[in-house]
Amino acid sequence: MTEAERWAKDLACNESEAFEKALKRMKEEKKMYIDGRWLTEPEIIAYIERLRKEISELEDKHLNECRQISEYDIELKELRGQQNANEKLERITASYTFGQQRAIFVEECAEAIKAVCKVERAADSSAEVYAEKMSDLISEVADVLIMAQTYQRRCWRC
């Protein structure tokens, strides 16, 4: 491998340390071999600036793609959550009679009321205890909402 090829390999490398090392070497030697010819010093400077700009654009593109992937991942999790909720609703609707669903709905409401009372009592407790009781309340409210939806589905079917 020639020295010019080694420099080109260093430049093509994504590592900033190797890139800076290659730049330093080219500046010291004041020569660079690209596309079958030796470049002059102004051409080298222009070439280096173009490479820096391309690297910057690639980094920006990479960050945007990472952001998009993260957003798609969030959307996918939300869709999976909705599908799971719909499956759960269908399973509950199919598994229990209307009277059983009404009883479970009342039960879930009672559990949510109980969770509200526990949150009120934990207001003067430590942050961890309060957060735990609040998490329980959110879970119970979610159960109430699920049962309300199954109850509503059954009512619409009647």
N, C-alpha and C. Protein backbone atom coordinates (compact mmCIF):
# COMPACT_ATOMS: atom_id res chain seq x y z
N MET A 1 0.85 -1.18 0.00
CA MET A 1 0.00 0.00 0.00
C MET A 1 0.89 1.23 0.00
N THR A 2 0.62 2.15 -0.92
CA THR A 2 1.41 3.37 -1.00
C THR A 2 1.01 4.31 0.12
N GLU A 3 1.85 5.30 0.33
CA GLU A 3 1.57 6.28 1.38
C GLU A 3 0.30 7.05 1.06
N ALA A 4 0.07 7.37 -0.21
CA ALA A 4 -1.14 8.09 -0.62
C ALA A 4 -2.38 7.24 -0.33
N GLU A 5 -2.28 5.94 -0.60
CA GLU A 5 -3.42 5.05 -0.33
C GLU A 5 -3.68 4.96 1.18
N ARG A 6 -2.61 4.94 1.97
CA ARG A 6 -2.76 4.90 3.42
C ARG A 6 -3.43 6.18 3.91
N TRP A 7 -3.04 7.31 3.35
CA TRP A 7 -3.68 8.58 3.72
C TRP A 7 -5.16 8.55 3.34
N ALA A 8 -5.43 8.07 2.14
CA ALA A 8 -6.83 8.01 1.69
C ALA A 8 -7.63 7.09 2.62
N LYS A 9 -7.02 5.99 3.02
CA LYS A 9 -7.69 5.07 3.93
C LYS A 9 -7.95 5.76 5.27
N ASP A 10 -6.97 6.50 5.76
CA ASP A 10 -7.15 7.24 7.00
C ASP A 10 -8.27 8.26 6.88
N LEU A 11 -8.33 8.94 5.72
CA LEU A 11 -9.38 9.94 5.51
C LEU A 11 -10.75 9.29 5.44
N ALA A 12 -10.81 8.14 4.80
CA ALA A 12 -12.09 7.45 4.67
C ALA A 12 -12.57 6.92 6.02
N CYS A 13 -11.65 6.76 6.93
CA CYS A 13 -11.98 6.25 8.26
C CYS A 13 -12.86 7.26 8.98
N ASN A 14 -13.81 6.76 9.70
CA ASN A 14 -14.77 7.60 10.42
C ASN A 14 -14.19 8.17 11.69
N GLU A 15 -13.08 7.65 12.15
CA GLU A 15 -12.48 8.07 13.41
C GLU A 15 -11.88 9.46 13.25
N SER A 16 -12.27 10.37 14.14
CA SER A 16 -11.76 11.74 14.05
C SER A 16 -10.26 11.80 14.31
N GLU A 17 -9.75 10.91 15.18
CA GLU A 17 -8.33 10.91 15.48
C GLU A 17 -7.51 10.57 14.23
N ALA A 18 -7.94 9.54 13.51
CA ALA A 18 -7.25 9.14 12.28
C ALA A 18 -7.37 10.25 11.23
N PHE A 19 -8.54 10.87 11.17
CA PHE A 19 -8.77 11.96 10.22
C PHE A 19 -7.82 13.12 10.51
N GLU A 20 -7.75 13.52 11.76
CA GLU A 20 -6.87 14.63 12.14
C GLU A 20 -5.41 14.27 11.91
N LYS A 21 -5.04 13.02 12.17
CA LYS A 21 -3.66 12.56 11.94
C LYS A 21 -3.31 12.65 10.45
N ALA A 22 -4.23 12.22 9.60
CA ALA A 22 -4.00 12.28 8.16
C ALA A 22 -3.91 13.73 7.69
N LEU A 23 -4.75 14.59 8.23
CA LEU A 23 -4.69 16.01 7.87
C LEU A 23 -3.35 16.62 8.24
N LYS A 24 -2.89 16.30 9.44
CA LYS A 24 -1.60 16.82 9.90
C LYS A 24 -0.47 16.36 8.99
N ARG A 25 -0.49 15.06 8.64
CA ARG A 25 0.55 14.51 7.78
C ARG A 25 0.54 15.20 6.40
N MET A 26 -0.66 15.41 5.85
CA MET A 26 -0.75 16.06 4.53
C MET A 26 -0.28 17.50 4.60
N LYS A 27 -0.62 18.20 5.69
CA LYS A 27 -0.19 19.59 5.81
C LYS A 27 1.32 19.68 5.93
N GLU A 28 1.91 18.75 6.69
CA GLU A 28 3.36 18.75 6.86
C GLU A 28 4.06 18.47 5.53
N GLU A 29 3.57 17.50 4.80
CA GLU A 29 4.20 17.10 3.54
C GLU A 29 3.77 18.01 2.38
N LYS A 30 2.66 18.72 2.57
CA LYS A 30 2.11 19.62 1.55
C LYS A 30 1.90 18.92 0.21
N LYS A 31 1.42 17.67 0.28
CA LYS A 31 1.10 16.98 -0.96
C LYS A 31 0.04 15.92 -0.68
N MET A 32 -0.68 15.62 -1.75
CA MET A 32 -1.76 14.65 -1.64
C MET A 32 -2.04 14.09 -3.02
N TYR A 33 -2.19 12.78 -3.09
CA TYR A 33 -2.40 12.11 -4.36
C TYR A 33 -3.85 11.62 -4.42
N ILE A 34 -4.61 12.22 -5.33
CA ILE A 34 -6.02 11.85 -5.49
C ILE A 34 -6.36 11.80 -6.97
N ASP A 35 -7.17 10.81 -7.33
CA ASP A 35 -7.64 10.66 -8.71
C ASP A 35 -6.50 10.68 -9.72
N GLY A 36 -5.40 10.02 -9.39
CA GLY A 36 -4.32 9.86 -10.35
C GLY A 36 -3.40 11.05 -10.50
N ARG A 37 -3.49 12.02 -9.59
CA ARG A 37 -2.57 13.17 -9.69
C ARG A 37 -2.30 13.76 -8.32
N TRP A 38 -1.15 14.45 -8.23
CA TRP A 38 -0.80 15.13 -6.99
C TRP A 38 -1.51 16.48 -6.96
N LEU A 39 -2.16 16.78 -5.86
CA LEU A 39 -2.88 18.05 -5.72
C LEU A 39 -1.94 19.14 -5.21
N THR A 40 -2.24 20.36 -5.59
CA THR A 40 -1.50 21.50 -5.07
C THR A 40 -2.03 21.83 -3.67
N GLU A 41 -1.29 22.68 -2.98
CA GLU A 41 -1.70 23.02 -1.62
C GLU A 41 -3.09 23.66 -1.56
N PRO A 42 -3.46 24.62 -2.42
CA PRO A 42 -4.82 25.16 -2.38
C PRO A 42 -5.88 24.09 -2.67
N GLU A 43 -5.55 23.15 -3.57
CA GLU A 43 -6.50 22.08 -3.88
C GLU A 43 -6.68 21.16 -2.67
N ILE A 44 -5.58 20.92 -1.96
CA ILE A 44 -5.64 20.08 -0.76
C ILE A 44 -6.53 20.74 0.29
N ILE A 45 -6.33 22.04 0.50
CA ILE A 45 -7.13 22.77 1.50
C ILE A 45 -8.61 22.72 1.12
N ALA A 46 -8.91 22.94 -0.17
CA ALA A 46 -10.30 22.88 -0.63
C ALA A 46 -10.87 21.47 -0.45
N TYR A 47 -10.04 20.47 -0.76
CA TYR A 47 -10.46 19.07 -0.62
C TYR A 47 -10.76 18.74 0.85
N ILE A 48 -9.89 19.19 1.74
CA ILE A 48 -10.08 18.95 3.17
C ILE A 48 -11.36 19.62 3.66
N GLU A 49 -11.58 20.84 3.24
CA GLU A 49 -12.80 21.56 3.65
C GLU A 49 -14.04 20.84 3.13
N ARG A 50 -13.97 20.34 1.91
CA ARG A 50 -15.09 19.60 1.35
C ARG A 50 -15.36 18.34 2.16
N LEU A 51 -14.29 17.64 2.55
CA LEU A 51 -14.44 16.43 3.37
C LEU A 51 -15.05 16.76 4.72
N ARG A 52 -14.58 17.84 5.34
CA ARG A 52 -15.15 18.25 6.63
C ARG A 52 -16.64 18.55 6.50
N LYS A 53 -17.00 19.23 5.42
CA LYS A 53 -18.41 19.56 5.20
C LYS A 53 -19.22 18.28 5.00
N GLU A 54 -18.69 17.35 4.22
CA GLU A 54 -19.40 16.08 3.98
C GLU A 54 -19.55 15.30 5.28
N ILE A 55 -18.51 15.28 6.09
CA ILE A 55 -18.58 14.58 7.37
C ILE A 55 -19.64 15.23 8.27
N SER A 56 -19.66 16.55 8.30
CA SER A 56 -20.65 17.27 9.09
C SER A 56 -22.07 16.95 8.61
N GLU A 57 -22.26 16.94 7.29
CA GLU A 57 -23.57 16.61 6.74
C GLU A 57 -23.97 15.17 7.07
N LEU A 58 -23.00 14.25 7.00
CA LEU A 58 -23.28 12.86 7.34
C LEU A 58 -23.64 12.71 8.83
N GLU A 59 -22.93 13.46 9.67
CA GLU A 59 -23.25 13.41 11.11
C GLU A 59 -24.66 13.93 11.36
N ASP A 60 -25.01 15.05 10.68
CA ASP A 60 -26.37 15.60 10.82
C ASP A 60 -27.41 14.59 10.33
N LYS A 61 -27.13 13.97 9.18
CA LYS A 61 -28.05 12.98 8.63
C LYS A 61 -28.20 11.81 9.59
N HIS A 62 -27.08 11.38 10.17
CA HIS A 62 -27.11 10.27 11.12
C HIS A 62 -27.96 10.62 12.34
N LEU A 63 -27.77 11.83 12.88
CA LEU A 63 -28.56 12.25 14.04
C LEU A 63 -30.04 12.30 13.71
N ASN A 64 -30.38 12.83 12.52
CA ASN A 64 -31.78 12.88 12.11
C ASN A 64 -32.36 11.48 11.96
N GLU A 65 -31.58 10.56 11.39
CA GLU A 65 -32.05 9.18 11.24
C GLU A 65 -32.25 8.53 12.60
N CYS A 66 -31.33 8.80 13.53
CA CYS A 66 -31.48 8.25 14.89
C CYS A 66 -32.75 8.80 15.54
N ARG A 67 -33.00 10.10 15.36
CA ARG A 67 -34.22 10.71 15.91
C ARG A 67 -35.46 10.06 15.30
N GLN A 68 -35.44 9.86 13.97
CA GLN A 68 -36.57 9.23 13.29
C GLN A 68 -36.79 7.81 13.80
N ILE A 69 -35.71 7.06 13.95
CA ILE A 69 -35.82 5.68 14.44
C ILE A 69 -36.44 5.69 15.83
N SER A 70 -36.00 6.63 16.66
CA SER A 70 -36.55 6.73 18.01
C SER A 70 -38.04 7.04 17.98
N GLU A 71 -38.43 7.98 17.09
CA GLU A 71 -39.84 8.32 16.97
C GLU A 71 -40.65 7.14 16.44
N TYR A 72 -40.11 6.42 15.45
CA TYR A 72 -40.80 5.24 14.92
C TYR A 72 -40.94 4.18 16.01
N ASP A 73 -39.91 4.03 16.83
CA ASP A 73 -39.95 3.04 17.90
C ASP A 73 -41.06 3.38 18.89
N ILE A 74 -41.18 4.66 19.23
CA ILE A 74 -42.24 5.09 20.15
C ILE A 74 -43.61 4.82 19.54
N GLU A 75 -43.77 5.18 18.24
CA GLU A 75 -45.05 4.94 17.56
C GLU A 75 -45.37 3.45 17.52
N LEU A 76 -44.37 2.63 17.26
CA LEU A 76 -44.57 1.19 17.20
C LEU A 76 -45.01 0.64 18.55
N LYS A 77 -44.37 1.11 19.62
CA LYS A 77 -44.77 0.68 20.96
C LYS A 77 -46.20 1.09 21.27
N GLU A 78 -46.57 2.31 20.85
CA GLU A 78 -47.94 2.77 21.07
C GLU A 78 -48.93 1.90 20.30
N LEU A 79 -48.59 1.59 19.04
CA LEU A 79 -49.48 0.74 18.24
C LEU A 79 -49.62 -0.65 18.86
N ARG A 80 -48.50 -1.21 19.32
CA ARG A 80 -48.55 -2.52 19.96
C ARG A 80 -49.41 -2.45 21.22
N GLY A 81 -49.27 -1.36 21.97
CA GLY A 81 -50.08 -1.19 23.17
C GLY A 81 -51.56 -1.12 22.84
N GLN A 82 -51.91 -0.41 21.76
CA GLN A 82 -53.31 -0.33 21.34
C GLN A 82 -53.81 -1.69 20.89
N GLN A 83 -52.99 -2.43 20.15
CA GLN A 83 -53.40 -3.76 19.71
C GLN A 83 -53.61 -4.67 20.92
N ASN A 84 -52.69 -4.61 21.88
CA ASN A 84 -52.84 -5.43 23.08
C ASN A 84 -54.11 -5.04 23.85
N ALA A 85 -54.38 -3.73 23.93
CA ALA A 85 -55.59 -3.28 24.63
C ALA A 85 -56.83 -3.77 23.90
N ASN A 86 -56.83 -3.68 22.56
CA ASN A 86 -57.99 -4.15 21.79
C ASN A 86 -58.18 -5.66 21.97
N GLU A 87 -57.09 -6.40 21.97
CA GLU A 87 -57.19 -7.85 22.18
C GLU A 87 -57.73 -8.15 23.57
N LYS A 88 -57.26 -7.40 24.56
CA LYS A 88 -57.73 -7.59 25.93
C LYS A 88 -59.23 -7.27 26.03
N LEU A 89 -59.63 -6.18 25.38
CA LEU A 89 -61.05 -5.81 25.39
C LEU A 89 -61.91 -6.90 24.76
N GLU A 90 -61.45 -7.42 23.63
CA GLU A 90 -62.20 -8.49 22.96
C GLU A 90 -62.27 -9.74 23.83
N ARG A 91 -61.17 -10.07 24.48
CA ARG A 91 -61.13 -11.25 25.33
C ARG A 91 -62.08 -11.11 26.51
N ILE A 92 -62.08 -9.92 27.13
CA ILE A 92 -62.98 -9.68 28.27
C ILE A 92 -64.43 -9.72 27.80
N THR A 93 -64.70 -9.05 26.68
CA THR A 93 -66.07 -9.01 26.16
C THR A 93 -66.58 -10.41 25.85
N ALA A 94 -65.70 -11.25 25.29
CA ALA A 94 -66.11 -12.60 24.91
C ALA A 94 -66.17 -13.55 26.10
N SER A 95 -65.37 -13.29 27.14
CA SER A 95 -65.24 -14.23 28.25
C SER A 95 -66.30 -14.07 29.33
N TYR A 96 -66.81 -12.87 29.50
CA TYR A 96 -67.73 -12.61 30.61
C TYR A 96 -69.11 -12.21 30.10
N THR A 97 -70.12 -12.58 30.87
CA THR A 97 -71.48 -12.15 30.52
C THR A 97 -71.60 -10.67 30.85
N PHE A 98 -72.68 -10.09 30.39
CA PHE A 98 -72.90 -8.67 30.64
C PHE A 98 -72.97 -8.39 32.14
N GLY A 99 -73.62 -9.24 32.87
CA GLY A 99 -73.73 -9.08 34.33
C GLY A 99 -72.38 -9.19 35.01
N GLN A 100 -71.56 -10.14 34.55
CA GLN A 100 -70.22 -10.29 35.12
C GLN A 100 -69.36 -9.06 34.82
N GLN A 101 -69.49 -8.55 33.59
CA GLN A 101 -68.71 -7.35 33.23
C GLN A 101 -69.12 -6.17 34.09
N ARG A 102 -70.42 -6.03 34.34
CA ARG A 102 -70.91 -4.93 35.18
C ARG A 102 -70.34 -5.07 36.59
N ALA A 103 -70.33 -6.30 37.14
CA ALA A 103 -69.80 -6.53 38.48
C ALA A 103 -68.30 -6.23 38.54
N ILE A 104 -67.56 -6.65 37.52
CA ILE A 104 -66.11 -6.37 37.48
C ILE A 104 -65.87 -4.87 37.35
N PHE A 105 -66.69 -4.19 36.57
CA PHE A 105 -66.57 -2.74 36.39
C PHE A 105 -66.74 -2.04 37.74
N VAL A 106 -67.77 -2.43 38.51
CA VAL A 106 -68.02 -1.85 39.82
C VAL A 106 -66.84 -2.15 40.75
N GLU A 107 -66.33 -3.37 40.68
CA GLU A 107 -65.18 -3.78 41.49
C GLU A 107 -63.96 -2.91 41.19
N GLU A 108 -63.69 -2.69 39.89
CA GLU A 108 -62.55 -1.87 39.49
C GLU A 108 -62.72 -0.42 39.95
N CYS A 109 -63.95 0.08 39.90
CA CYS A 109 -64.21 1.44 40.38
C CYS A 109 -63.92 1.53 41.88
N ALA A 110 -64.34 0.50 42.63
CA ALA A 110 -64.08 0.48 44.08
C ALA A 110 -62.58 0.45 44.35
N GLU A 111 -61.84 -0.34 43.58
CA GLU A 111 -60.38 -0.40 43.75
C GLU A 111 -59.73 0.95 43.43
N ALA A 112 -60.26 1.64 42.43
CA ALA A 112 -59.72 2.97 42.08
C ALA A 112 -59.99 3.96 43.21
N ILE A 113 -61.20 3.91 43.80
CA ILE A 113 -61.53 4.79 44.92
C ILE A 113 -60.61 4.50 46.10
N LYS A 114 -60.37 3.24 46.36
CA LYS A 114 -59.47 2.84 47.44
C LYS A 114 -58.06 3.36 47.19
N ALA A 115 -57.61 3.30 45.92
CA ALA A 115 -56.28 3.80 45.56
C ALA A 115 -56.20 5.32 45.75
N VAL A 116 -57.30 6.05 45.46
CA VAL A 116 -57.32 7.49 45.68
C VAL A 116 -57.13 7.79 47.17
N CYS A 117 -57.82 7.03 48.02
CA CYS A 117 -57.68 7.22 49.47
C CYS A 117 -56.24 6.98 49.92
N LYS A 118 -55.61 5.95 49.37
CA LYS A 118 -54.23 5.65 49.74
C LYS A 118 -53.28 6.76 49.29
N VAL A 119 -53.54 7.35 48.12
CA VAL A 119 -52.72 8.48 47.65
C VAL A 119 -52.88 9.65 48.60
N GLU A 120 -54.11 9.91 49.02
CA GLU A 120 -54.36 11.02 49.96
C GLU A 120 -53.60 10.81 51.28
N ARG A 121 -53.62 9.57 51.77
CA ARG A 121 -52.92 9.26 53.03
C ARG A 121 -51.41 9.37 52.84
N ALA A 122 -50.91 9.06 51.66
CA ALA A 122 -49.46 9.06 51.42
C ALA A 122 -48.92 10.45 51.08
N ALA A 123 -49.78 11.45 51.04
CA ALA A 123 -49.35 12.80 50.66
C ALA A 123 -48.25 13.32 51.57
N ASP A 124 -48.28 12.94 52.85
CA ASP A 124 -47.26 13.41 53.80
C ASP A 124 -46.10 12.43 53.96
N SER A 125 -46.14 11.33 53.20
CA SER A 125 -45.08 10.30 53.28
C SER A 125 -43.90 10.70 52.41
N SER A 126 -42.96 9.77 52.34
CA SER A 126 -41.77 10.00 51.50
C SER A 126 -42.17 10.03 50.02
N ALA A 127 -41.29 10.57 49.22
CA ALA A 127 -41.56 10.66 47.77
C ALA A 127 -41.71 9.28 47.15
N GLU A 128 -40.94 8.31 47.64
CA GLU A 128 -41.02 6.95 47.08
C GLU A 128 -42.37 6.32 47.35
N VAL A 129 -42.85 6.46 48.60
CA VAL A 129 -44.15 5.89 48.97
C VAL A 129 -45.26 6.57 48.17
N TYR A 130 -45.18 7.90 48.08
CA TYR A 130 -46.20 8.64 47.33
C TYR A 130 -46.19 8.21 45.85
N ALA A 131 -45.00 8.08 45.27
CA ALA A 131 -44.89 7.66 43.86
C ALA A 131 -45.47 6.27 43.66
N GLU A 132 -45.23 5.38 44.62
CA GLU A 132 -45.76 4.01 44.52
C GLU A 132 -47.29 4.02 44.56
N LYS A 133 -47.86 4.80 45.49
CA LYS A 133 -49.32 4.87 45.60
C LYS A 133 -49.93 5.53 44.36
N MET A 134 -49.24 6.51 43.82
CA MET A 134 -49.71 7.17 42.60
C MET A 134 -49.69 6.20 41.42
N SER A 135 -48.65 5.38 41.35
CA SER A 135 -48.54 4.37 40.30
C SER A 135 -49.68 3.37 40.42
N ASP A 136 -49.99 2.96 41.65
CA ASP A 136 -51.12 2.05 41.87
C ASP A 136 -52.43 2.69 41.41
N LEU A 137 -52.60 3.97 41.71
CA LEU A 137 -53.81 4.67 41.30
C LEU A 137 -53.94 4.70 39.78
N ILE A 138 -52.84 5.00 39.11
CA ILE A 138 -52.85 5.03 37.63
C ILE A 138 -53.24 3.67 37.07
N SER A 139 -52.70 2.62 37.67
CA SER A 139 -53.02 1.26 37.24
C SER A 139 -54.51 0.96 37.43
N GLU A 140 -55.05 1.36 38.57
CA GLU A 140 -56.47 1.10 38.84
C GLU A 140 -57.37 1.92 37.91
N VAL A 141 -56.99 3.16 37.63
CA VAL A 141 -57.78 3.98 36.70
C VAL A 141 -57.74 3.35 35.31
N ALA A 142 -56.59 2.81 34.92
CA ALA A 142 -56.49 2.12 33.63
C ALA A 142 -57.45 0.93 33.58
N ASP A 143 -57.51 0.18 34.69
CA ASP A 143 -58.44 -0.95 34.75
C ASP A 143 -59.89 -0.48 34.62
N VAL A 144 -60.22 0.63 35.27
CA VAL A 144 -61.57 1.18 35.17
C VAL A 144 -61.87 1.56 33.72
N LEU A 145 -60.91 2.19 33.06
CA LEU A 145 -61.12 2.59 31.66
C LEU A 145 -61.30 1.37 30.75
N ILE A 146 -60.52 0.33 30.99
CA ILE A 146 -60.65 -0.89 30.18
C ILE A 146 -62.04 -1.49 30.37
N MET A 147 -62.47 -1.57 31.62
CA MET A 147 -63.79 -2.16 31.89
C MET A 147 -64.90 -1.26 31.34
N ALA A 148 -64.70 0.05 31.39
CA ALA A 148 -65.70 0.96 30.82
C ALA A 148 -65.80 0.73 29.31
N GLN A 149 -64.68 0.50 28.67
CA GLN A 149 -64.71 0.25 27.22
C GLN A 149 -65.39 -1.08 26.90
N THR A 150 -65.11 -2.12 27.69
CA THR A 150 -65.77 -3.41 27.42
C THR A 150 -67.26 -3.30 27.70
N TYR A 151 -67.62 -2.56 28.73
CA TYR A 151 -69.02 -2.34 29.09
C TYR A 151 -69.72 -1.61 27.94
N GLN A 152 -69.02 -0.59 27.42
CA GLN A 152 -69.58 0.18 26.30
C GLN A 152 -69.73 -0.70 25.06
N ARG A 153 -68.74 -1.52 24.76
CA ARG A 153 -68.82 -2.42 23.61
C ARG A 153 -70.03 -3.34 23.72
N ARG A 154 -70.23 -3.86 24.92
CA ARG A 154 -71.34 -4.78 25.13
C ARG A 154 -72.66 -4.03 24.95
N CYS A 155 -72.74 -2.80 25.46
CA CYS A 155 -73.96 -2.01 25.33
C CYS A 155 -74.28 -1.73 23.87
N TRP A 156 -73.24 -1.44 23.07
CA TRP A 156 -73.46 -1.15 21.65
C TRP A 156 -73.92 -2.39 20.90
N ARG A 157 -73.46 -3.55 21.37
CA ARG A 157 -73.84 -4.79 20.69
C ARG A 157 -75.28 -5.19 20.99
N CYS A 158 -75.79 -4.74 22.17
CA CYS A 158 -77.17 -5.11 22.56
C CYS A 158 -78.20 -4.40 21.72
